N, C-alpha and C. Protein backbone atom coordinates (compact mmCIF):
# COMPACT_ATOMS: atom_id res chain seq x y z
N MET A 1 134.41 84.44 18.20
CA MET A 1 135.18 84.64 19.41
C MET A 1 134.41 85.48 20.42
N GLY A 2 133.68 86.48 19.91
CA GLY A 2 132.90 87.35 20.78
C GLY A 2 131.77 86.60 21.47
N LYS A 3 131.19 85.63 20.77
CA LYS A 3 130.12 84.84 21.38
C LYS A 3 130.65 84.01 22.55
N ILE A 4 131.83 83.45 22.38
CA ILE A 4 132.42 82.62 23.43
C ILE A 4 132.71 83.47 24.66
N VAL A 5 133.25 84.65 24.45
CA VAL A 5 133.52 85.55 25.56
C VAL A 5 132.22 85.94 26.25
N GLY A 6 131.19 86.22 25.48
CA GLY A 6 129.89 86.56 26.04
C GLY A 6 129.30 85.42 26.86
N ILE A 7 129.43 84.20 26.35
CA ILE A 7 128.93 83.02 27.07
C ILE A 7 129.66 82.85 28.39
N VAL A 8 130.98 82.98 28.35
CA VAL A 8 131.78 82.84 29.57
C VAL A 8 131.41 83.92 30.59
N LEU A 9 131.24 85.15 30.11
CA LEU A 9 130.88 86.24 31.02
C LEU A 9 129.48 86.03 31.61
N ALA A 10 128.55 85.55 30.81
CA ALA A 10 127.19 85.30 31.32
C ALA A 10 127.21 84.21 32.39
N PHE A 11 127.92 83.12 32.13
CA PHE A 11 128.03 82.05 33.13
C PHE A 11 128.73 82.55 34.39
N GLY A 12 129.78 83.32 34.20
CA GLY A 12 130.50 83.87 35.35
C GLY A 12 129.63 84.79 36.18
N GLY A 13 128.82 85.61 35.52
CA GLY A 13 127.93 86.53 36.22
C GLY A 13 126.88 85.80 37.04
N VAL A 14 126.25 84.80 36.43
CA VAL A 14 125.23 84.04 37.15
C VAL A 14 125.85 83.24 38.28
N ALA A 15 127.01 82.62 38.03
CA ALA A 15 127.69 81.86 39.07
C ALA A 15 128.11 82.78 40.23
N GLY A 16 128.59 83.96 39.91
CA GLY A 16 128.98 84.91 40.95
C GLY A 16 127.79 85.38 41.77
N TYR A 17 126.68 85.62 41.10
CA TYR A 17 125.46 86.03 41.82
C TYR A 17 124.99 84.91 42.75
N LEU A 18 124.96 83.68 42.26
CA LEU A 18 124.54 82.54 43.09
C LEU A 18 125.50 82.34 44.27
N TYR A 19 126.80 82.53 44.02
CA TYR A 19 127.78 82.39 45.09
C TYR A 19 127.56 83.44 46.18
N SER A 20 127.30 84.69 45.78
CA SER A 20 127.09 85.74 46.78
C SER A 20 125.79 85.49 47.55
N TRP A 21 124.78 84.94 46.91
CA TRP A 21 123.53 84.61 47.58
C TRP A 21 123.75 83.51 48.62
N ILE A 22 124.51 82.48 48.26
CA ILE A 22 124.82 81.39 49.20
C ILE A 22 125.66 81.94 50.35
N HIS A 23 126.61 82.80 50.06
CA HIS A 23 127.45 83.40 51.09
C HIS A 23 126.60 84.23 52.06
N MET A 24 125.61 84.94 51.56
CA MET A 24 124.72 85.72 52.41
C MET A 24 123.92 84.80 53.34
N GLN A 25 123.46 83.66 52.82
CA GLN A 25 122.75 82.69 53.66
C GLN A 25 123.65 82.15 54.76
N LYS A 26 124.89 81.85 54.43
CA LYS A 26 125.84 81.33 55.43
C LYS A 26 126.13 82.37 56.50
N GLU A 27 126.26 83.63 56.12
CA GLU A 27 126.50 84.69 57.10
C GLU A 27 125.33 84.82 58.07
N LYS A 28 124.11 84.70 57.55
CA LYS A 28 122.93 84.77 58.40
C LYS A 28 122.94 83.61 59.41
N GLU A 29 123.30 82.42 58.95
CA GLU A 29 123.40 81.27 59.85
C GLU A 29 124.48 81.48 60.91
N MET A 30 125.61 82.08 60.51
CA MET A 30 126.69 82.33 61.47
C MET A 30 126.28 83.37 62.51
N ARG A 31 125.52 84.41 62.10
CA ARG A 31 125.06 85.42 63.07
C ARG A 31 124.12 84.79 64.09
N LEU A 32 123.25 83.89 63.63
CA LEU A 32 122.34 83.22 64.55
C LEU A 32 123.10 82.29 65.49
N GLU A 33 124.08 81.57 64.96
CA GLU A 33 124.93 80.71 65.80
C GLU A 33 125.66 81.54 66.85
N GLU A 34 126.17 82.69 66.45
CA GLU A 34 126.90 83.56 67.37
C GLU A 34 125.97 84.06 68.48
N PHE A 35 124.74 84.40 68.13
CA PHE A 35 123.79 84.87 69.12
C PHE A 35 123.44 83.76 70.11
N ILE A 36 123.24 82.56 69.61
CA ILE A 36 122.95 81.42 70.50
C ILE A 36 124.13 81.16 71.42
N PHE A 37 125.33 81.22 70.88
CA PHE A 37 126.54 81.02 71.69
C PHE A 37 126.64 82.09 72.78
N PHE A 38 126.31 83.33 72.42
CA PHE A 38 126.33 84.42 73.39
C PHE A 38 125.36 84.14 74.54
N LEU A 39 124.16 83.66 74.21
CA LEU A 39 123.18 83.35 75.25
C LEU A 39 123.66 82.21 76.15
N GLN A 40 124.27 81.19 75.54
CA GLN A 40 124.80 80.07 76.32
C GLN A 40 125.93 80.54 77.24
N LYS A 41 126.77 81.38 76.72
CA LYS A 41 127.88 81.94 77.50
C LYS A 41 127.34 82.78 78.66
N THR A 42 126.27 83.51 78.42
CA THR A 42 125.66 84.34 79.44
C THR A 42 125.06 83.48 80.55
N ILE A 43 124.40 82.40 80.17
CA ILE A 43 123.83 81.50 81.19
C ILE A 43 124.93 80.95 82.07
N PHE A 44 126.02 80.53 81.46
CA PHE A 44 127.15 80.01 82.26
C PHE A 44 127.69 81.09 83.20
N ALA A 45 127.83 82.31 82.69
CA ALA A 45 128.35 83.40 83.52
C ALA A 45 127.39 83.72 84.66
N MET A 46 126.10 83.68 84.40
CA MET A 46 125.12 83.96 85.45
C MET A 46 125.11 82.88 86.52
N GLU A 47 125.36 81.64 86.12
CA GLU A 47 125.37 80.54 87.08
C GLU A 47 126.62 80.55 87.96
N THR A 48 127.74 81.01 87.41
CA THR A 48 129.00 80.90 88.13
C THR A 48 129.45 82.18 88.83
N GLU A 49 128.95 83.33 88.39
CA GLU A 49 129.41 84.58 89.00
C GLU A 49 128.29 85.61 89.02
N ASN A 50 128.52 86.69 89.70
CA ASN A 50 127.56 87.77 89.78
C ASN A 50 127.78 88.71 88.58
N VAL A 51 126.87 88.67 87.62
CA VAL A 51 127.02 89.41 86.37
C VAL A 51 126.28 90.74 86.45
N LYS A 52 126.99 91.81 86.16
CA LYS A 52 126.38 93.13 86.03
C LYS A 52 126.19 93.36 84.52
N VAL A 53 124.95 93.55 84.13
CA VAL A 53 124.58 93.56 82.71
C VAL A 53 125.32 94.63 81.92
N MET A 54 125.36 95.86 82.43
CA MET A 54 126.03 96.94 81.69
C MET A 54 127.49 96.62 81.43
N GLU A 55 128.18 96.17 82.45
CA GLU A 55 129.60 95.83 82.31
C GLU A 55 129.79 94.64 81.38
N TYR A 56 128.91 93.66 81.51
CA TYR A 56 129.00 92.47 80.68
C TYR A 56 128.84 92.82 79.20
N PHE A 57 127.85 93.66 78.89
CA PHE A 57 127.64 94.07 77.50
C PHE A 57 128.79 94.93 76.99
N ALA A 58 129.30 95.82 77.82
CA ALA A 58 130.36 96.72 77.40
C ALA A 58 131.67 95.98 77.15
N ARG A 59 131.92 94.91 77.90
CA ARG A 59 133.18 94.17 77.76
C ARG A 59 133.09 93.03 76.75
N TYR A 60 131.91 92.73 76.25
CA TYR A 60 131.75 91.55 75.38
C TYR A 60 132.54 91.72 74.09
N GLU A 61 133.32 90.71 73.77
CA GLU A 61 134.06 90.67 72.52
C GLU A 61 133.71 89.39 71.78
N SER A 62 133.36 89.54 70.54
CA SER A 62 132.94 88.40 69.73
C SER A 62 134.14 87.71 69.13
N LYS A 63 134.28 86.44 69.38
CA LYS A 63 135.35 85.66 68.77
C LYS A 63 135.06 85.43 67.29
N ASN A 64 133.79 85.31 66.94
CA ASN A 64 133.38 85.05 65.57
C ASN A 64 133.76 86.21 64.65
N GLY A 65 133.56 87.44 65.09
CA GLY A 65 133.90 88.61 64.29
C GLY A 65 135.39 88.74 64.07
N GLN A 66 136.19 88.37 65.07
CA GLN A 66 137.64 88.46 64.96
C GLN A 66 138.17 87.41 63.99
N MET A 67 137.54 86.23 63.96
CA MET A 67 137.97 85.18 63.04
C MET A 67 137.69 85.58 61.59
N CYS A 68 136.60 86.30 61.37
CA CYS A 68 136.23 86.71 60.03
C CYS A 68 137.00 87.93 59.56
N GLY A 69 137.81 88.51 60.43
CA GLY A 69 138.60 89.67 60.06
C GLY A 69 137.85 90.98 60.20
N GLU A 70 136.67 90.95 60.80
CA GLU A 70 135.90 92.16 60.98
C GLU A 70 136.38 92.87 62.24
N LYS A 71 136.07 94.14 62.32
CA LYS A 71 136.43 94.89 63.53
C LYS A 71 135.56 94.43 64.70
N GLY A 72 134.31 94.15 64.44
CA GLY A 72 133.39 93.66 65.45
C GLY A 72 132.13 93.16 64.78
N SER A 73 131.51 92.17 65.37
CA SER A 73 130.31 91.62 64.78
C SER A 73 129.11 92.52 65.08
N ILE A 74 128.01 92.22 64.45
CA ILE A 74 126.79 92.98 64.67
C ILE A 74 126.34 92.83 66.12
N LEU A 75 126.48 91.61 66.65
CA LEU A 75 126.11 91.37 68.04
C LEU A 75 126.95 92.22 68.98
N GLU A 76 128.25 92.24 68.74
CA GLU A 76 129.15 93.02 69.60
C GLU A 76 128.79 94.51 69.55
N LYS A 77 128.57 95.02 68.35
CA LYS A 77 128.21 96.43 68.21
C LYS A 77 126.89 96.74 68.91
N SER A 78 125.92 95.84 68.76
CA SER A 78 124.63 96.04 69.40
C SER A 78 124.75 96.04 70.92
N LEU A 79 125.51 95.11 71.45
CA LEU A 79 125.67 95.02 72.90
C LEU A 79 126.38 96.24 73.47
N HIS A 80 127.40 96.72 72.75
CA HIS A 80 128.10 97.93 73.20
C HIS A 80 127.17 99.14 73.18
N GLU A 81 126.32 99.22 72.17
CA GLU A 81 125.37 100.33 72.09
C GLU A 81 124.34 100.24 73.22
N ILE A 82 123.88 99.02 73.53
CA ILE A 82 122.94 98.84 74.65
C ILE A 82 123.61 99.28 75.95
N ALA A 83 124.86 98.91 76.14
CA ALA A 83 125.58 99.30 77.36
C ALA A 83 125.69 100.82 77.47
N LYS A 84 125.96 101.49 76.34
CA LYS A 84 126.04 102.96 76.36
C LYS A 84 124.70 103.58 76.75
N ARG A 85 123.64 103.04 76.18
CA ARG A 85 122.32 103.59 76.48
C ARG A 85 121.89 103.30 77.91
N LEU A 86 122.25 102.14 78.41
CA LEU A 86 121.92 101.82 79.80
C LEU A 86 122.70 102.71 80.76
N ALA A 87 123.91 103.08 80.37
CA ALA A 87 124.75 103.93 81.23
C ALA A 87 124.17 105.34 81.38
N THR A 88 123.34 105.76 80.45
CA THR A 88 122.73 107.09 80.55
C THR A 88 121.54 107.11 81.50
N TYR A 89 121.04 105.96 81.88
CA TYR A 89 119.91 105.81 82.81
C TYR A 89 118.67 106.57 82.32
N THR A 90 118.42 106.53 81.02
CA THR A 90 117.23 107.20 80.47
C THR A 90 116.08 106.23 80.23
N TYR A 91 116.34 104.95 80.35
CA TYR A 91 115.31 103.94 80.11
C TYR A 91 114.80 103.40 81.45
N PRO A 92 113.48 103.37 81.63
CA PRO A 92 112.96 102.83 82.89
C PRO A 92 113.21 101.32 83.02
N LYS A 93 113.27 100.62 81.90
CA LYS A 93 113.54 99.19 81.90
C LYS A 93 114.63 98.91 80.86
N GLY A 94 115.53 98.01 81.19
CA GLY A 94 116.60 97.67 80.27
C GLY A 94 116.08 97.00 79.00
N GLN A 95 114.96 96.31 79.11
CA GLN A 95 114.36 95.64 77.96
C GLN A 95 114.04 96.64 76.85
N GLU A 96 113.66 97.86 77.21
CA GLU A 96 113.35 98.88 76.21
C GLU A 96 114.60 99.27 75.43
N ALA A 97 115.73 99.40 76.10
CA ALA A 97 116.98 99.73 75.41
C ALA A 97 117.36 98.59 74.47
N TRP A 98 117.21 97.35 74.95
CA TRP A 98 117.52 96.16 74.13
C TRP A 98 116.68 96.17 72.85
N GLU A 99 115.38 96.35 72.99
CA GLU A 99 114.49 96.32 71.83
C GLU A 99 114.77 97.47 70.87
N GLU A 100 115.03 98.65 71.41
CA GLU A 100 115.28 99.82 70.55
C GLU A 100 116.54 99.61 69.71
N VAL A 101 117.61 99.15 70.33
CA VAL A 101 118.86 98.94 69.60
C VAL A 101 118.70 97.83 68.56
N PHE A 102 118.05 96.75 68.94
CA PHE A 102 117.89 95.66 67.99
C PHE A 102 116.99 96.05 66.83
N LYS A 103 115.97 96.85 67.08
CA LYS A 103 115.10 97.31 65.99
C LYS A 103 115.86 98.24 65.05
N GLU A 104 116.78 99.04 65.59
CA GLU A 104 117.60 99.91 64.73
C GLU A 104 118.54 99.08 63.86
N GLU A 105 119.00 97.95 64.37
CA GLU A 105 119.95 97.09 63.65
C GLU A 105 119.26 95.95 62.91
N GLU A 106 117.95 96.00 62.76
CA GLU A 106 117.20 94.89 62.15
C GLU A 106 117.70 94.59 60.73
N GLN A 107 118.00 95.61 59.96
CA GLN A 107 118.48 95.41 58.59
C GLN A 107 119.83 94.69 58.58
N ALA A 108 120.70 95.04 59.52
CA ALA A 108 122.02 94.43 59.58
C ALA A 108 121.93 92.96 59.99
N TRP A 109 120.99 92.64 60.88
CA TRP A 109 120.83 91.25 61.32
C TRP A 109 120.31 90.39 60.17
N ALA A 110 119.42 90.91 59.35
CA ALA A 110 118.87 90.23 58.18
C ALA A 110 118.25 88.88 58.53
N MET A 111 117.48 88.85 59.59
CA MET A 111 116.81 87.62 60.01
C MET A 111 115.34 87.69 59.60
N ASP A 112 114.71 86.50 59.51
CA ASP A 112 113.28 86.50 59.23
C ASP A 112 112.56 87.02 60.48
N SER A 113 111.31 87.42 60.31
CA SER A 113 110.60 88.10 61.39
C SER A 113 110.41 87.22 62.62
N GLU A 114 110.18 85.93 62.43
CA GLU A 114 109.97 85.04 63.57
C GLU A 114 111.24 84.90 64.42
N THR A 115 112.37 84.68 63.77
CA THR A 115 113.64 84.56 64.48
C THR A 115 114.01 85.88 65.15
N PHE A 116 113.81 86.97 64.45
CA PHE A 116 114.14 88.28 65.02
C PHE A 116 113.25 88.58 66.23
N GLY A 117 111.99 88.15 66.18
CA GLY A 117 111.11 88.34 67.33
C GLY A 117 111.60 87.59 68.55
N VAL A 118 112.11 86.38 68.35
CA VAL A 118 112.66 85.60 69.47
C VAL A 118 113.90 86.31 70.02
N MET A 119 114.71 86.87 69.12
CA MET A 119 115.91 87.59 69.57
C MET A 119 115.53 88.83 70.38
N LEU A 120 114.47 89.52 69.97
CA LEU A 120 114.01 90.69 70.72
C LEU A 120 113.54 90.30 72.11
N HIS A 121 112.77 89.20 72.19
CA HIS A 121 112.24 88.77 73.48
C HIS A 121 113.32 88.15 74.37
N ALA A 122 114.43 87.75 73.79
CA ALA A 122 115.51 87.18 74.60
C ALA A 122 116.10 88.22 75.55
N GLY A 123 115.93 89.48 75.23
CA GLY A 123 116.44 90.54 76.08
C GLY A 123 115.82 90.54 77.46
N ALA A 124 114.62 89.99 77.59
CA ALA A 124 113.97 89.92 78.91
C ALA A 124 114.76 89.02 79.86
N GLY A 125 115.59 88.15 79.31
CA GLY A 125 116.40 87.26 80.13
C GLY A 125 117.58 87.96 80.79
N PHE A 126 117.79 89.21 80.49
CA PHE A 126 118.87 89.97 81.12
C PHE A 126 118.34 90.94 82.18
N PHE A 127 117.06 91.26 82.10
CA PHE A 127 116.52 92.31 82.94
C PHE A 127 115.37 91.83 83.82
N GLY A 128 115.38 90.56 84.19
CA GLY A 128 114.34 90.01 85.05
C GLY A 128 114.56 90.35 86.51
N ARG A 129 113.69 89.82 87.37
CA ARG A 129 113.76 90.12 88.80
C ARG A 129 114.83 89.32 89.52
N SER A 130 115.04 88.08 89.08
CA SER A 130 116.02 87.24 89.78
C SER A 130 116.93 86.54 88.77
N ARG A 131 118.03 86.04 89.28
CA ARG A 131 118.99 85.35 88.43
C ARG A 131 118.38 84.06 87.87
N GLN A 132 117.65 83.31 88.71
CA GLN A 132 117.03 82.06 88.25
C GLN A 132 116.01 82.33 87.15
N GLU A 133 115.22 83.39 87.31
CA GLU A 133 114.24 83.76 86.29
C GLU A 133 114.95 84.10 84.97
N ASN A 134 116.04 84.84 85.05
CA ASN A 134 116.80 85.20 83.86
C ASN A 134 117.37 83.97 83.17
N ILE A 135 117.95 83.07 83.95
CA ILE A 135 118.54 81.85 83.38
C ILE A 135 117.47 81.01 82.70
N CYS A 136 116.33 80.87 83.35
CA CYS A 136 115.22 80.10 82.79
C CYS A 136 114.75 80.72 81.47
N PHE A 137 114.60 82.03 81.44
CA PHE A 137 114.13 82.71 80.24
C PHE A 137 115.16 82.61 79.11
N LEU A 138 116.44 82.74 79.45
CA LEU A 138 117.48 82.62 78.42
C LEU A 138 117.52 81.20 77.86
N GLN A 139 117.35 80.20 78.72
CA GLN A 139 117.35 78.82 78.24
C GLN A 139 116.17 78.58 77.30
N LYS A 140 115.02 79.13 77.64
CA LYS A 140 113.85 79.01 76.77
C LYS A 140 114.12 79.68 75.42
N SER A 141 114.76 80.84 75.45
CA SER A 141 115.09 81.55 74.21
C SER A 141 116.08 80.75 73.37
N ILE A 142 117.04 80.11 74.01
CA ILE A 142 118.01 79.28 73.28
C ILE A 142 117.30 78.13 72.59
N ASP A 143 116.38 77.47 73.30
CA ASP A 143 115.64 76.36 72.71
C ASP A 143 114.85 76.81 71.48
N GLU A 144 114.17 77.96 71.60
CA GLU A 144 113.40 78.48 70.47
C GLU A 144 114.32 78.86 69.30
N LEU A 145 115.45 79.47 69.60
CA LEU A 145 116.38 79.87 68.54
C LEU A 145 117.00 78.66 67.85
N GLU A 146 117.26 77.60 68.61
CA GLU A 146 117.80 76.38 67.99
C GLU A 146 116.77 75.76 67.05
N LYS A 147 115.50 75.80 67.42
CA LYS A 147 114.45 75.32 66.51
C LYS A 147 114.41 76.17 65.24
N GLN A 148 114.51 77.48 65.42
CA GLN A 148 114.53 78.39 64.28
C GLN A 148 115.76 78.14 63.40
N GLN A 149 116.88 77.83 64.04
CA GLN A 149 118.12 77.57 63.30
C GLN A 149 117.97 76.33 62.42
N VAL A 150 117.37 75.27 62.95
CA VAL A 150 117.15 74.06 62.17
C VAL A 150 116.23 74.36 61.00
N LYS A 151 115.16 75.12 61.27
CA LYS A 151 114.21 75.46 60.22
C LYS A 151 114.88 76.31 59.14
N LEU A 152 115.72 77.26 59.56
CA LEU A 152 116.43 78.13 58.62
C LEU A 152 117.37 77.33 57.73
N LYS A 153 118.12 76.40 58.34
CA LYS A 153 119.05 75.59 57.55
C LYS A 153 118.32 74.72 56.54
N GLU A 154 117.20 74.13 56.94
CA GLU A 154 116.41 73.30 56.02
C GLU A 154 115.86 74.14 54.88
N ASN A 155 115.35 75.31 55.20
CA ASN A 155 114.79 76.20 54.19
C ASN A 155 115.87 76.65 53.20
N ASP A 156 117.04 77.03 53.73
CA ASP A 156 118.14 77.46 52.86
C ASP A 156 118.61 76.32 51.96
N ALA A 157 118.68 75.10 52.50
CA ALA A 157 119.10 73.95 51.70
C ALA A 157 118.10 73.68 50.58
N GLN A 158 116.81 73.78 50.89
CA GLN A 158 115.80 73.58 49.86
C GLN A 158 115.89 74.65 48.77
N GLN A 159 116.09 75.88 49.18
CA GLN A 159 116.21 76.95 48.18
C GLN A 159 117.43 76.74 47.30
N ARG A 160 118.56 76.31 47.89
CA ARG A 160 119.76 76.06 47.08
C ARG A 160 119.54 74.91 46.10
N LYS A 161 118.82 73.87 46.55
CA LYS A 161 118.54 72.74 45.66
C LYS A 161 117.76 73.18 44.43
N VAL A 162 116.91 74.15 44.60
CA VAL A 162 116.08 74.61 43.49
C VAL A 162 116.79 75.68 42.66
N TRP A 163 117.29 76.73 43.31
CA TRP A 163 117.72 77.91 42.57
C TRP A 163 119.08 77.78 41.90
N ILE A 164 119.95 76.96 42.40
CA ILE A 164 121.25 76.80 41.72
C ILE A 164 121.07 76.11 40.36
N PRO A 165 120.40 74.94 40.30
CA PRO A 165 120.19 74.35 38.97
C PRO A 165 119.32 75.21 38.05
N VAL A 166 118.27 75.83 38.61
CA VAL A 166 117.39 76.67 37.79
C VAL A 166 118.17 77.85 37.23
N GLY A 167 119.02 78.46 38.05
CA GLY A 167 119.80 79.60 37.60
C GLY A 167 120.77 79.23 36.49
N MET A 168 121.48 78.14 36.66
CA MET A 168 122.45 77.74 35.64
C MET A 168 121.75 77.24 34.37
N LEU A 169 120.70 76.42 34.52
CA LEU A 169 119.98 75.95 33.33
C LEU A 169 119.26 77.09 32.62
N GLY A 170 118.73 78.03 33.38
CA GLY A 170 118.10 79.20 32.77
C GLY A 170 119.10 80.00 31.97
N THR A 171 120.32 80.10 32.48
CA THR A 171 121.37 80.81 31.75
C THR A 171 121.70 80.09 30.46
N VAL A 172 121.80 78.76 30.52
CA VAL A 172 122.08 77.96 29.31
C VAL A 172 120.98 78.17 28.28
N MET A 173 119.72 78.11 28.73
CA MET A 173 118.62 78.29 27.79
C MET A 173 118.62 79.70 27.19
N LEU A 174 118.90 80.69 27.99
CA LEU A 174 118.96 82.06 27.48
C LEU A 174 120.08 82.22 26.45
N LEU A 175 121.22 81.60 26.75
CA LEU A 175 122.35 81.70 25.83
C LEU A 175 122.06 80.97 24.52
N ILE A 176 121.34 79.85 24.60
CA ILE A 176 120.96 79.12 23.37
C ILE A 176 120.05 79.99 22.51
N VAL A 177 119.12 80.70 23.13
CA VAL A 177 118.21 81.58 22.40
C VAL A 177 118.99 82.70 21.73
N PHE A 178 119.96 83.27 22.43
CA PHE A 178 120.72 84.38 21.85
C PHE A 178 121.74 83.95 20.82
N VAL A 179 122.23 82.71 20.90
CA VAL A 179 123.25 82.24 19.96
C VAL A 179 122.52 81.73 18.75
């Protein structure tokens, strides 16, 4: 009876670990989707109205974070922090505040270095000389992030194809050795 309980617990542990790993991958994909949506929303706002960056960042509310039951998403928290820092007028360029806040939150974003680099450079699309320049730069950033998103999804799918069967079969083989 003890062996059966041990086998069930071992399978449950490995299955739970694999589930949390898959859930972490999905959250990373959702954060990237949310960031792309934010950039698209910003382009629309810049085209239709006169956007003041500090106010826009301070008022931004993430729909994605509210659906997940969180108080606020990482993007929302980062934007609010950027707005606070810009309000102090201690940065000569807004891009510096953007980069500093995003670098502080790099662990929370949990993105690969290439995608995170594109996210850092996307900040230049808010602090350019003209509205057209900003829109053009944000559109370029969206295109690059969408390419990264496709690459990320393919990579995650390949990893799941390999590690889920390997994890479960490895558990079976380990349990056979112990039984």
